[in-house]
């Protein structure tokens, strides 16, 4: 991933009368910080955010961006239904890939007799989704691209916290094919319904089923979740990132904990660490921010950390005969 021509970006910033801007660069672009900073500093006052960020749901620390005119975030697409407290330009990055895959790449799907395939992709690979659709149709299959909800910017797009594009076509397809190198997106598609999910990894030029990997994920997840059954002191965490702030949901969780006779505290955090929880004497955490934190990072914590849906299902507030991912459709407005 490298710096592209900044001409269009400069024109947009000037149209917004920007004088001072903040740049947010993902790890893949950090090595280009000097070039980009020096290029834009000829025309604007520029500050560079050093903290890690987690996508369009996270525009950093208000203490840093409060006096800038525009935030420029590289690598992600806008989440349309977030009310950003500052104007933000999202400079998307799409993987440059010349599509030349052989027919046999799709044998894992064709060999199972599936006739209609639902197509999904993470933002980096959306430019390839129509090539895949055309190829599947040449093989005699039907292909459908999922419709997004108000949190997503494009048809077929998936985030780790939102699989609305999969839900929209689940009843009309036999399986899903997710174009991504991140396996969580394909596991999420598998968990979003009862249809088998496959991943097309363009780096490996390979299609693989996620069925067995999802089963392994579920076994590990259920084992971790069950540890909270004996917990008596819960910490409910409200994430203050602009696209993850779900205070109303946290209030509901606290009401449900009270009904169960559990002790609880509510903690606000933009980047919580396990020491805060251990020092509070909590037995378990219910995290209302990004669903990827409890699932991807659970090994970092010496206590059970649950998503709201996991908590509600485990303690009987929601009924389901299968595991349900926590998905973010909309968030509360930060004051």
C-alpha atoms as a PDB file:
ATOM      1  CA  UNK A   1       0.000   0.000   0.000  1.00  0.00           C
ATOM      2  CA  UNK A   2       1.543   3.304  -1.015  1.00  0.00           C
ATOM      3  CA  UNK A   3       0.747   6.983  -1.490  1.00  0.00           C
ATOM      4  CA  UNK A   4      -1.420   7.803  -4.435  1.00  0.00           C
ATOM      5  CA  UNK A   5      -1.739  11.156  -6.191  1.00  0.00           C
ATOM      6  CA  UNK A   6      -2.996  13.719  -3.683  1.00  0.00           C
ATOM      7  CA  UNK A   7      -4.401  16.139  -6.272  1.00  0.00           C
ATOM      8  CA  UNK A   8      -8.026  15.156  -5.723  1.00  0.00           C
ATOM      9  CA  UNK A   9      -7.598  15.183  -1.939  1.00  0.00           C
ATOM     10  CA  UNK A  10      -6.103  18.680  -2.025  1.00  0.00           C
ATOM     11  CA  UNK A  11      -8.990  19.921  -4.180  1.00  0.00           C
ATOM     12  CA  UNK A  12     -11.543  18.510  -1.718  1.00  0.00           C
ATOM     13  CA  UNK A  13      -9.757  20.059   1.253  1.00  0.00           C
ATOM     14  CA  UNK A  14      -9.613  23.449  -0.425  1.00  0.00           C
ATOM     15  CA  UNK A  15     -13.314  23.228  -1.304  1.00  0.00           C
ATOM     16  CA  UNK A  16     -13.947  22.687   2.422  1.00  0.00           C
ATOM     17  CA  UNK A  17     -11.822  25.754   3.264  1.00  0.00           C
ATOM     18  CA  UNK A  18      -9.555  23.561   5.360  1.00  0.00           C
ATOM     19  CA  UNK A  19      -6.559  25.167   6.969  1.00  0.00           C
ATOM     20  CA  UNK A  20      -5.565  22.616   9.601  1.00  0.00           C
ATOM     21  CA  UNK A  21      -6.029  18.897   8.988  1.00  0.00           C
ATOM     22  CA  UNK A  22      -5.356  15.695  10.899  1.00  0.00           C
ATOM     23  CA  UNK A  23      -4.066  12.605   9.074  1.00  0.00           C
ATOM     24  CA  UNK A  24      -4.938   9.096  10.238  1.00  0.00           C
ATOM     25  CA  UNK A  25      -2.822   6.393   8.593  1.00  0.00           C
ATOM     26  CA  UNK A  26      -3.196   2.625   8.985  1.00  0.00           C
ATOM     27  CA  UNK A  27      -0.130   0.521   9.723  1.00  0.00           C
ATOM     28  CA  UNK A  28       0.288  -0.292   6.036  1.00  0.00           C
ATOM     29  CA  UNK A  29       0.805   3.390   5.229  1.00  0.00           C
ATOM     30  CA  UNK A  30       2.866   4.455   8.238  1.00  0.00           C
ATOM     31  CA  UNK A  31       6.104   4.190   6.215  1.00  0.00           C
ATOM     32  CA  UNK A  32       4.706   6.832   3.869  1.00  0.00           C
ATOM     33  CA  UNK A  33       4.089   9.298   6.706  1.00  0.00           C
ATOM     34  CA  UNK A  34       7.013  11.563   5.787  1.00  0.00           C
ATOM     35  CA  UNK A  35       6.091  11.822   2.105  1.00  0.00           C
ATOM     36  CA  UNK A  36       2.420  12.471   2.771  1.00  0.00           C
ATOM     37  CA  UNK A  37       3.069  14.885   5.643  1.00  0.00           C
ATOM     38  CA  UNK A  38       5.579  16.910   3.634  1.00  0.00           C
ATOM     39  CA  UNK A  39       3.377  16.967   0.526  1.00  0.00           C
ATOM     40  CA  UNK A  40       0.289  18.241   2.338  1.00  0.00           C
ATOM     41  CA  UNK A  41       2.215  20.570   4.651  1.00  0.00           C
ATOM     42  CA  UNK A  42       2.980  22.758   1.626  1.00  0.00           C
ATOM     43  CA  UNK A  43      -0.692  23.681   1.504  1.00  0.00           C
ATOM     44  CA  UNK A  44      -2.143  23.052   4.994  1.00  0.00           C
ATOM     45  CA  UNK A  45      -1.182  22.900   8.644  1.00  0.00           C
ATOM     46  CA  UNK A  46      -0.946  19.143   9.273  1.00  0.00           C
ATOM     47  CA  UNK A  47      -0.907  17.000  12.385  1.00  0.00           C
ATOM     48  CA  UNK A  48      -0.400  13.255  12.279  1.00  0.00           C
ATOM     49  CA  UNK A  49      -2.332  11.011  14.677  1.00  0.00           C
ATOM     50  CA  UNK A  50      -0.032   8.451  16.290  1.00  0.00           C
ATOM     51  CA  UNK A  51      -2.637   6.287  18.035  1.00  0.00           C
ATOM     52  CA  UNK A  52      -3.930   3.110  16.430  1.00  0.00           C
ATOM     53  CA  UNK A  53      -7.446   3.334  15.024  1.00  0.00           C
ATOM     54  CA  UNK A  54      -9.936   0.686  14.078  1.00  0.00           C
ATOM     55  CA  UNK A  55     -11.712   1.913  10.988  1.00  0.00           C
ATOM     56  CA  UNK A  56     -14.297   4.520  10.095  1.00  0.00           C
ATOM     57  CA  UNK A  57     -15.940   3.994  13.497  1.00  0.00           C
ATOM     58  CA  UNK A  58     -12.883   5.541  15.166  1.00  0.00           C
ATOM     59  CA  UNK A  59     -11.622   9.048  14.402  1.00  0.00           C
ATOM     60  CA  UNK A  60      -9.310   9.272  17.381  1.00  0.00           C
ATOM     61  CA  UNK A  61      -9.035  11.339  20.519  1.00  0.00           C
ATOM     62  CA  UNK A  62     -11.144  14.533  20.652  1.00  0.00           C
ATOM     63  CA  UNK A  63      -8.309  16.281  22.512  1.00  0.00           C
ATOM     64  CA  UNK A  64      -6.221  15.904  19.347  1.00  0.00           C
ATOM     65  CA  UNK A  65      -8.768  16.683  16.638  1.00  0.00           C
ATOM     66  CA  UNK A  66     -10.896  19.316  18.378  1.00  0.00           C
ATOM     67  CA  UNK A  67      -9.111  22.263  16.727  1.00  0.00           C
ATOM     68  CA  UNK A  68      -8.675  20.838  13.206  1.00  0.00           C
ATOM     69  CA  UNK A  69     -10.933  21.713  10.295  1.00  0.00           C
ATOM     70  CA  UNK A  70     -10.938  18.307   8.574  1.00  0.00           C
ATOM     71  CA  UNK A  71      -9.830  14.783   9.443  1.00  0.00           C
ATOM     72  CA  UNK A  72      -8.392  12.682   6.613  1.00  0.00           C
ATOM     73  CA  UNK A  73      -8.496   8.941   7.256  1.00  0.00           C
ATOM     74  CA  UNK A  74      -6.831   6.545   4.850  1.00  0.00           C
ATOM     75  CA  UNK A  75      -7.833   2.969   4.135  1.00  0.00           C
ATOM     76  CA  UNK A  76     -11.521   2.874   5.083  1.00  0.00           C
ATOM     77  CA  UNK A  77     -14.917   3.894   3.752  1.00  0.00           C
ATOM     78  CA  UNK A  78     -17.404   6.178   5.448  1.00  0.00           C
ATOM     79  CA  UNK A  79     -20.073   4.743   7.737  1.00  0.00           C
ATOM     80  CA  UNK A  80     -23.020   6.797   6.475  1.00  0.00           C
ATOM     81  CA  UNK A  81     -25.184   6.812   9.596  1.00  0.00           C
ATOM     82  CA  UNK A  82     -22.504   8.100  11.991  1.00  0.00           C
ATOM     83  CA  UNK A  83     -22.754  11.742  13.006  1.00  0.00           C
ATOM     84  CA  UNK A  84     -19.064  12.658  12.900  1.00  0.00           C
ATOM     85  CA  UNK A  85     -18.180  15.601  15.184  1.00  0.00           C
ATOM     86  CA  UNK A  86     -15.696  16.907  12.599  1.00  0.00           C
ATOM     87  CA  UNK A  87     -15.758  16.770   8.775  1.00  0.00           C
ATOM     88  CA  UNK A  88     -13.964  13.602   7.672  1.00  0.00           C
ATOM     89  CA  UNK A  89     -12.581  12.637   4.275  1.00  0.00           C
ATOM     90  CA  UNK A  90     -12.168   8.899   3.848  1.00  0.00           C
ATOM     91  CA  UNK A  91      -9.462   8.046   1.322  1.00  0.00           C
ATOM     92  CA  UNK A  92     -10.353   4.474   0.445  1.00  0.00           C
ATOM     93  CA  UNK A  93      -7.778   1.946  -0.626  1.00  0.00           C
ATOM     94  CA  UNK A  94      -8.778  -0.820  -2.981  1.00  0.00           C
ATOM     95  CA  UNK A  95      -6.436  -3.703  -3.670  1.00  0.00           C
ATOM     96  CA  UNK A  96      -5.025  -3.536  -7.184  1.00  0.00           C
ATOM     97  CA  UNK A  97      -5.677  -6.995  -8.603  1.00  0.00           C
ATOM     98  CA  UNK A  98      -5.733  -8.117 -12.203  1.00  0.00           C
ATOM     99  CA  UNK A  99      -8.443 -10.747 -12.312  1.00  0.00           C
ATOM    100  CA  UNK A 100      -7.205 -13.871 -14.091  1.00  0.00           C
ATOM    101  CA  UNK A 101      -8.332 -16.754 -11.902  1.00  0.00           C
ATOM    102  CA  UNK A 102      -8.807 -20.190 -13.510  1.00  0.00           C
ATOM    103  CA  UNK A 103     -12.182 -21.950 -13.446  1.00  0.00           C
ATOM    104  CA  UNK A 104     -10.976 -24.638 -11.037  1.00  0.00           C
ATOM    105  CA  UNK A 105     -10.575 -22.063  -8.250  1.00  0.00           C
ATOM    106  CA  UNK A 106     -14.326 -22.345  -7.753  1.00  0.00           C
ATOM    107  CA  UNK A 107     -14.392 -26.172  -7.626  1.00  0.00           C
ATOM    108  CA  UNK A 108     -15.149 -26.220  -3.862  1.00  0.00           C
ATOM    109  CA  UNK A 109     -18.449 -24.437  -4.624  1.00  0.00           C
ATOM    110  CA  UNK A 110     -19.292 -26.133  -7.908  1.00  0.00           C
ATOM    111  CA  UNK A 111     -18.453 -29.570  -6.490  1.00  0.00           C
ATOM    112  CA  UNK A 112     -21.072 -29.224  -3.763  1.00  0.00           C
ATOM    113  CA  UNK A 113     -23.818 -28.525  -6.263  1.00  0.00           C
ATOM    114  CA  UNK A 114     -24.560 -24.998  -5.129  1.00  0.00           C
ATOM    115  CA  UNK A 115     -26.356 -23.017  -7.827  1.00  0.00           C
ATOM    116  CA  UNK A 116     -26.809 -19.518  -6.366  1.00  0.00           C
ATOM    117  CA  UNK A 117     -23.933 -17.755  -4.643  1.00  0.00           C
ATOM    118  CA  UNK A 118     -24.179 -14.676  -2.423  1.00  0.00           C
ATOM    119  CA  UNK A 119     -21.213 -12.358  -2.921  1.00  0.00           C
ATOM    120  CA  UNK A 120     -19.684 -10.278  -0.125  1.00  0.00           C
ATOM    121  CA  UNK A 121     -16.383  -8.418   0.232  1.00  0.00           C
ATOM    122  CA  UNK A 122     -14.373  -6.302   2.613  1.00  0.00           C
ATOM    123  CA  UNK A 123     -13.736  -2.767   1.386  1.00  0.00           C
ATOM    124  CA  UNK A 124     -10.274  -3.513  -0.056  1.00  0.00           C
ATOM    125  CA  UNK A 125     -11.687  -6.096  -2.468  1.00  0.00           C
ATOM    126  CA  UNK A 126     -14.950  -4.517  -3.599  1.00  0.00           C
ATOM    127  CA  UNK A 127     -13.502  -3.686  -7.017  1.00  0.00           C
ATOM    128  CA  UNK A 128     -13.193  -7.417  -7.683  1.00  0.00           C
ATOM    129  CA  UNK A 129     -16.737  -8.409  -6.768  1.00  0.00           C
ATOM    130  CA  UNK A 130     -18.185  -7.886 -10.268  1.00  0.00           C
ATOM    131  CA  UNK A 131     -15.321  -9.863 -11.847  1.00  0.00           C
ATOM    132  CA  UNK A 132     -16.154 -12.757  -9.544  1.00  0.00           C
ATOM    133  CA  UNK A 133     -19.855 -12.423 -10.362  1.00  0.00           C
ATOM    134  CA  UNK A 134     -19.157 -12.559 -14.113  1.00  0.00           C
ATOM    135  CA  UNK A 135     -16.886 -15.578 -13.688  1.00  0.00           C
ATOM    136  CA  UNK A 136     -19.446 -17.516 -11.646  1.00  0.00           C
ATOM    137  CA  UNK A 137     -22.110 -16.770 -14.242  1.00  0.00           C
ATOM    138  CA  UNK A 138     -19.826 -18.048 -17.003  1.00  0.00           C
ATOM    139  CA  UNK A 139     -19.622 -21.274 -15.010  1.00  0.00           C
ATOM    140  CA  UNK A 140     -23.420 -21.518 -15.079  1.00  0.00           C
ATOM    141  CA  UNK A 141     -24.049 -20.296 -11.531  1.00  0.00           C
ATOM    142  CA  UNK A 142     -26.235 -17.428 -10.400  1.00  0.00           C
ATOM    143  CA  UNK A 143     -24.587 -14.764  -8.260  1.00  0.00           C
ATOM    144  CA  UNK A 144     -26.221 -12.142  -6.052  1.00  0.00           C
ATOM    145  CA  UNK A 145     -24.585  -9.148  -4.376  1.00  0.00           C
ATOM    146  CA  UNK A 146     -26.059  -8.336  -0.965  1.00  0.00           C
ATOM    147  CA  UNK A 147     -27.772  -5.035  -0.177  1.00  0.00           C
ATOM    148  CA  UNK A 148     -26.264  -2.949   2.605  1.00  0.00           C
ATOM    149  CA  UNK A 149     -28.042  -1.205   5.484  1.00  0.00           C
ATOM    150  CA  UNK A 150     -27.542   2.422   6.538  1.00  0.00           C
ATOM    151  CA  UNK A 151     -24.243   1.658   8.294  1.00  0.00           C
ATOM    152  CA  UNK A 152     -22.558   0.390   5.148  1.00  0.00           C
ATOM    153  CA  UNK A 153     -21.423   2.383   2.156  1.00  0.00           C
ATOM    154  CA  UNK A 154     -21.613  -0.170  -0.667  1.00  0.00           C
ATOM    155  CA  UNK A 155     -23.610  -3.207  -1.851  1.00  0.00           C
ATOM    156  CA  UNK A 156     -21.908  -6.437  -0.832  1.00  0.00           C
ATOM    157  CA  UNK A 157     -19.664  -4.738   1.727  1.00  0.00           C
ATOM    158  CA  UNK A 158     -19.135  -6.389   5.105  1.00  0.00           C
ATOM    159  CA  UNK A 159     -17.473  -5.174   8.279  1.00  0.00           C
ATOM    160  CA  UNK A 160     -16.510  -7.216  11.309  1.00  0.00           C
ATOM    161  CA  UNK A 161     -19.495  -5.648  13.068  1.00  0.00           C
ATOM    162  CA  UNK A 162     -22.064  -5.679  10.262  1.00  0.00           C
ATOM    163  CA  UNK A 163     -23.276  -8.421   7.915  1.00  0.00           C
ATOM    164  CA  UNK A 164     -26.430  -6.727   6.656  1.00  0.00           C
ATOM    165  CA  UNK A 165     -25.451  -7.506   3.057  1.00  0.00           C
ATOM    166  CA  UNK A 166     -25.505 -11.210   3.942  1.00  0.00           C
ATOM    167  CA  UNK A 167     -28.843 -10.999   5.760  1.00  0.00           C
ATOM    168  CA  UNK A 168     -30.460  -9.233   2.799  1.00  0.00           C
ATOM    169  CA  UNK A 169     -29.985 -12.204   0.435  1.00  0.00           C
ATOM    170  CA  UNK A 170     -29.731 -15.145   2.822  1.00  0.00           C
ATOM    171  CA  UNK A 171     -33.097 -16.560   1.766  1.00  0.00           C
ATOM    172  CA  UNK A 172     -32.187 -16.334  -1.936  1.00  0.00           C
ATOM    173  CA  UNK A 173     -28.771 -18.032  -2.053  1.00  0.00           C
ATOM    174  CA  UNK A 174     -27.357 -21.507  -1.457  1.00  0.00           C
ATOM    175  CA  UNK A 175     -24.032 -20.309  -0.036  1.00  0.00           C
ATOM    176  CA  UNK A 176     -21.868 -17.231   0.468  1.00  0.00           C
ATOM    177  CA  UNK A 177     -18.521 -16.347  -1.069  1.00  0.00           C
ATOM    178  CA  UNK A 178     -16.559 -13.668   0.785  1.00  0.00           C
ATOM    179  CA  UNK A 179     -13.696 -11.912  -1.003  1.00  0.00           C
ATOM    180  CA  UNK A 180     -11.245 -11.060   1.740  1.00  0.00           C
ATOM    181  CA  UNK A 181      -7.982 -12.049   3.364  1.00  0.00           C
ATOM    182  CA  UNK A 182      -9.571 -11.584   6.796  1.00  0.00           C
ATOM    183  CA  UNK A 183     -11.104 -14.923   7.726  1.00  0.00           C
ATOM    184  CA  UNK A 184     -13.353 -13.376  10.360  1.00  0.00           C
ATOM    185  CA  UNK A 185     -15.519 -11.848   7.627  1.00  0.00           C
ATOM    186  CA  UNK A 186     -16.130 -15.295   6.132  1.00  0.00           C
ATOM    187  CA  UNK A 187     -16.787 -16.827   9.558  1.00  0.00           C
ATOM    188  CA  UNK A 188     -19.205 -13.981  10.229  1.00  0.00           C
ATOM    189  CA  UNK A 189     -21.051 -14.727   7.000  1.00  0.00           C
ATOM    190  CA  UNK A 190     -21.281 -18.384   8.057  1.00  0.00           C
ATOM    191  CA  UNK A 191     -22.676 -17.351  11.443  1.00  0.00           C
ATOM    192  CA  UNK A 192     -25.120 -14.858   9.939  1.00  0.00           C
ATOM    193  CA  UNK A 193     -27.399 -17.702   8.860  1.00  0.00           C
ATOM    194  CA  UNK A 194     -27.504 -21.384   8.039  1.00  0.00           C
ATOM    195  CA  UNK A 195     -25.781 -21.187   4.629  1.00  0.00           C
ATOM    196  CA  UNK A 196     -22.253 -22.486   4.062  1.00  0.00           C
ATOM    197  CA  UNK A 197     -19.685 -19.726   3.662  1.00  0.00           C
ATOM    198  CA  UNK A 198     -16.542 -19.773   1.524  1.00  0.00           C
ATOM    199  CA  UNK A 199     -13.607 -17.375   1.381  1.00  0.00           C
ATOM    200  CA  UNK A 200     -11.857 -16.293  -1.801  1.00  0.00           C
ATOM    201  CA  UNK A 201      -8.359 -15.314  -0.739  1.00  0.00           C
ATOM    202  CA  UNK A 202      -6.868 -13.396  -3.659  1.00  0.00           C
ATOM    203  CA  UNK A 203      -3.355 -13.644  -2.213  1.00  0.00           C
ATOM    204  CA  UNK A 204      -3.550 -17.439  -2.165  1.00  0.00           C
ATOM    205  CA  UNK A 205      -5.808 -17.555  -5.263  1.00  0.00           C
ATOM    206  CA  UNK A 206      -7.877 -20.127  -3.436  1.00  0.00           C
ATOM    207  CA  UNK A 207     -11.482 -20.759  -2.353  1.00  0.00           C
ATOM    208  CA  UNK A 208     -11.963 -22.507   1.000  1.00  0.00           C
ATOM    209  CA  UNK A 209     -14.995 -23.497   3.036  1.00  0.00           C
ATOM    210  CA  UNK A 210     -15.372 -21.877   6.445  1.00  0.00           C
ATOM    211  CA  UNK A 211     -17.589 -24.613   7.875  1.00  0.00           C
ATOM    212  CA  UNK A 212     -14.928 -26.507   9.867  1.00  0.00           C
ATOM    213  CA  UNK A 213     -13.161 -23.328  10.963  1.00  0.00           C
ATOM    214  CA  UNK A 214     -16.464 -21.879  12.168  1.00  0.00           C
ATOM    215  CA  UNK A 215     -17.150 -25.017  14.213  1.00  0.00           C
ATOM    216  CA  UNK A 216     -13.752 -24.657  15.878  1.00  0.00           C
ATOM    217  CA  UNK A 217     -14.483 -21.001  16.546  1.00  0.00           C
ATOM    218  CA  UNK A 218     -17.817 -21.880  18.157  1.00  0.00           C
ATOM    219  CA  UNK A 219     -16.324 -24.521  20.433  1.00  0.00           C
ATOM    220  CA  UNK A 220     -13.743 -22.059  21.708  1.00  0.00           C
ATOM    221  CA  UNK A 221     -16.279 -19.279  22.038  1.00  0.00           C
ATOM    222  CA  UNK A 222     -18.827 -21.343  23.981  1.00  0.00           C
ATOM    223  CA  UNK A 223     -16.089 -22.517  26.353  1.00  0.00           C
ATOM    224  CA  UNK A 224     -15.094 -18.915  27.021  1.00  0.00           C
ATOM    225  CA  UNK A 225     -18.656 -17.647  27.396  1.00  0.00           C
ATOM    226  CA  UNK A 226     -19.607 -20.384  29.872  1.00  0.00           C
ATOM    227  CA  UNK A 227     -16.942 -19.163  32.289  1.00  0.00           C
ATOM    228  CA  UNK A 228     -19.134 -16.156  33.079  1.00  0.00           C
ATOM    229  CA  UNK A 229     -22.020 -18.270  34.399  1.00  0.00           C
ATOM    230  CA  UNK A 230     -20.510 -18.197  37.892  1.00  0.00           C
ATOM    231  CA  UNK A 231     -19.579 -14.519  37.755  1.00  0.00           C
ATOM    232  CA  UNK A 232     -21.246 -12.194  40.260  1.00  0.00           C
ATOM    233  CA  UNK A 233     -19.513  -8.885  39.559  1.00  0.00           C
ATOM    234  CA  UNK A 234     -19.819  -7.564  36.001  1.00  0.00           C
ATOM    235  CA  UNK A 235     -18.177  -4.565  34.378  1.00  0.00           C
ATOM    236  CA  UNK A 236     -20.223  -3.107  31.508  1.00  0.00           C
ATOM    237  CA  UNK A 237     -17.943  -1.136  29.214  1.00  0.00           C
ATOM    238  CA  UNK A 238     -19.159   1.737  27.043  1.00  0.00           C
ATOM    239  CA  UNK A 239     -16.733   2.463  24.220  1.00  0.00           C
ATOM    240  CA  UNK A 240     -16.510   6.200  23.533  1.00  0.00           C
ATOM    241  CA  UNK A 241     -15.376   5.860  19.904  1.00  0.00           C
ATOM    242  CA  UNK A 242     -17.826   7.780  17.742  1.00  0.00           C
ATOM    243  CA  UNK A 243     -18.946   4.717  15.783  1.00  0.00           C
ATOM    244  CA  UNK A 244     -19.077   2.292  18.710  1.00  0.00           C
ATOM    245  CA  UNK A 245     -20.890   4.338  21.363  1.00  0.00           C
ATOM    246  CA  UNK A 246     -23.912   2.314  22.534  1.00  0.00           C
ATOM    247  CA  UNK A 247     -24.865   3.855  25.856  1.00  0.00           C
ATOM    248  CA  UNK A 248     -28.550   2.884  25.597  1.00  0.00           C
ATOM    249  CA  UNK A 249     -27.579  -0.741  25.108  1.00  0.00           C
ATOM    250  CA  UNK A 250     -25.238  -0.544  28.111  1.00  0.00           C
ATOM    251  CA  UNK A 251     -28.106   0.862  30.209  1.00  0.00           C
ATOM    252  CA  UNK A 252     -30.296  -2.076  29.163  1.00  0.00           C
ATOM    253  CA  UNK A 253     -27.556  -4.558  30.066  1.00  0.00           C
ATOM    254  CA  UNK A 254     -27.254  -2.965  33.523  1.00  0.00           C
ATOM    255  CA  UNK A 255     -31.010  -3.276  34.021  1.00  0.00           C
ATOM    256  CA  UNK A 256     -30.826  -6.955  33.088  1.00  0.00           C
ATOM    257  CA  UNK A 257     -27.890  -7.537  35.463  1.00  0.00           C
ATOM    258  CA  UNK A 258     -29.941  -5.941  38.228  1.00  0.00           C
ATOM    259  CA  UNK A 259     -32.807  -8.341  37.457  1.00  0.00           C
ATOM    260  CA  UNK A 260     -30.362 -11.228  37.840  1.00  0.00           C
ATOM    261  CA  UNK A 261     -29.203  -9.935  41.219  1.00  0.00           C
ATOM    262  CA  UNK A 262     -25.664  -9.335  39.936  1.00  0.00           C
ATOM    263  CA  UNK A 263     -23.347  -6.576  41.083  1.00  0.00           C
ATOM    264  CA  UNK A 264     -22.248  -4.338  38.239  1.00  0.00           C
ATOM    265  CA  UNK A 265     -20.397  -1.184  37.342  1.00  0.00           C
ATOM    266  CA  UNK A 266     -20.439   0.812  34.121  1.00  0.00           C
ATOM    267  CA  UNK A 267     -17.077   1.951  32.807  1.00  0.00           C
ATOM    268  CA  UNK A 268     -16.393   4.397  29.973  1.00  0.00           C
ATOM    269  CA  UNK A 269     -13.302   3.734  27.906  1.00  0.00           C
ATOM    270  CA  UNK A 270     -11.754   4.626  24.582  1.00  0.00           C
ATOM    271  CA  UNK A 271      -9.050   1.955  24.901  1.00  0.00           C
ATOM    272  CA  UNK A 272      -9.580  -0.215  27.957  1.00  0.00           C
ATOM    273  CA  UNK A 273      -6.960  -2.534  29.394  1.00  0.00           C
ATOM    274  CA  UNK A 274      -7.237  -5.625  31.541  1.00  0.00           C
ATOM    275  CA  UNK A 275      -5.579  -4.012  34.574  1.00  0.00           C
ATOM    276  CA  UNK A 276      -8.521  -1.644  34.966  1.00  0.00           C
ATOM    277  CA  UNK A 277     -10.880  -4.608  35.163  1.00  0.00           C
ATOM    278  CA  UNK A 278      -8.679  -6.679  37.461  1.00  0.00           C
ATOM    279  CA  UNK A 279      -8.191  -3.729  39.808  1.00  0.00           C
ATOM    280  CA  UNK A 280     -11.957  -3.165  39.947  1.00  0.00           C
ATOM    281  CA  UNK A 281     -12.498  -6.711  41.238  1.00  0.00           C
ATOM    282  CA  UNK A 282     -14.810  -7.609  38.346  1.00  0.00           C
ATOM    283  CA  UNK A 283     -15.369 -11.274  37.461  1.00  0.00           C
ATOM    284  CA  UNK A 284     -16.481 -10.692  33.861  1.00  0.00           C
ATOM    285  CA  UNK A 285     -16.894  -7.951  31.252  1.00  0.00           C
ATOM    286  CA  UNK A 286     -19.721  -7.135  28.859  1.00  0.00           C
ATOM    287  CA  UNK A 287     -18.242  -5.013  26.090  1.00  0.00           C
ATOM    288  CA  UNK A 288     -20.672  -2.854  24.106  1.00  0.00           C
ATOM    289  CA  UNK A 289     -18.075  -1.527  21.661  1.00  0.00           C
ATOM    290  CA  UNK A 290     -16.589  -3.342  18.671  1.00  0.00           C
ATOM    291  CA  UNK A 291     -17.661  -7.015  18.651  1.00  0.00           C
ATOM    292  CA  UNK A 292     -14.216  -7.972  17.395  1.00  0.00           C
ATOM    293  CA  UNK A 293     -12.621  -7.145  20.757  1.00  0.00           C
ATOM    294  CA  UNK A 294     -14.247  -9.971  22.766  1.00  0.00           C
ATOM    295  CA  UNK A 295     -13.822 -12.420  19.892  1.00  0.00           C
ATOM    296  CA  UNK A 296     -10.375 -11.613  18.485  1.00  0.00           C
ATOM    297  CA  UNK A 297      -8.643 -10.435  21.647  1.00  0.00           C
ATOM    298  CA  UNK A 298     -10.066 -12.728  24.332  1.00  0.00           C
ATOM    299  CA  UNK A 299      -6.639 -14.309  24.960  1.00  0.00           C
ATOM    300  CA  UNK A 300      -5.377 -10.927  26.180  1.00  0.00           C
ATOM    301  CA  UNK A 301      -7.774 -10.906  29.122  1.00  0.00           C
ATOM    302  CA  UNK A 302      -7.642 -13.064  32.272  1.00  0.00           C
ATOM    303  CA  UNK A 303     -11.444 -12.903  32.627  1.00  0.00           C
ATOM    304  CA  UNK A 304     -14.449 -13.713  30.419  1.00  0.00           C
ATOM    305  CA  UNK A 305     -15.365 -10.877  28.065  1.00  0.00           C
ATOM    306  CA  UNK A 306     -18.763 -11.139  26.376  1.00  0.00           C
ATOM    307  CA  UNK A 307     -20.608  -9.304  23.650  1.00  0.00           C
ATOM    308  CA  UNK A 308     -24.056  -7.989  24.648  1.00  0.00           C
ATOM    309  CA  UNK A 309     -25.782 -10.693  22.566  1.00  0.00           C
ATOM    310  CA  UNK A 310     -23.695 -13.426  24.178  1.00  0.00           C
ATOM    311  CA  UNK A 311     -24.642 -12.172  27.646  1.00  0.00           C
ATOM    312  CA  UNK A 312     -28.329 -11.842  26.803  1.00  0.00           C
ATOM    313  CA  UNK A 313     -28.487 -15.293  25.236  1.00  0.00           C
ATOM    314  CA  UNK A 314     -26.521 -16.986  28.034  1.00  0.00           C
ATOM    315  CA  UNK A 315     -28.743 -15.537  30.760  1.00  0.00           C
ATOM    316  CA  UNK A 316     -32.048 -16.011  28.947  1.00  0.00           C
ATOM    317  CA  UNK A 317     -32.921 -12.501  27.783  1.00  0.00           C
ATOM    318  CA  UNK A 318     -32.737 -13.608  24.144  1.00  0.00           C
ATOM    319  CA  UNK A 319     -33.763 -16.962  22.712  1.00  0.00           C
ATOM    320  CA  UNK A 320     -31.801 -18.547  19.896  1.00  0.00           C
ATOM    321  CA  UNK A 321     -30.985 -22.089  18.824  1.00  0.00           C
ATOM    322  CA  UNK A 322     -27.677 -20.962  17.294  1.00  0.00           C
ATOM    323  CA  UNK A 323     -24.817 -18.601  18.031  1.00  0.00           C
ATOM    324  CA  UNK A 324     -25.622 -15.007  17.069  1.00  0.00           C
ATOM    325  CA  UNK A 325     -22.939 -12.443  16.305  1.00  0.00           C
ATOM    326  CA  UNK A 326     -23.200  -9.024  17.870  1.00  0.00           C
ATOM    327  CA  UNK A 327     -23.712  -6.575  15.005  1.00  0.00           C
ATOM    328  CA  UNK A 328     -23.785  -2.794  15.121  1.00  0.00           C
ATOM    329  CA  UNK A 329     -26.581  -1.272  13.054  1.00  0.00           C
ATOM    330  CA  UNK A 330     -26.555   2.187  14.573  1.00  0.00           C
ATOM    331  CA  UNK A 331     -24.984   3.973  17.513  1.00  0.00           C
ATOM    332  CA  UNK A 332     -25.992   6.678  19.972  1.00  0.00           C
ATOM    333  CA  UNK A 333     -24.964  10.244  19.397  1.00  0.00           C
ATOM    334  CA  UNK A 334     -22.016  11.463  21.422  1.00  0.00           C
ATOM    335  CA  UNK A 335     -22.637  14.755  23.164  1.00  0.00           C
END
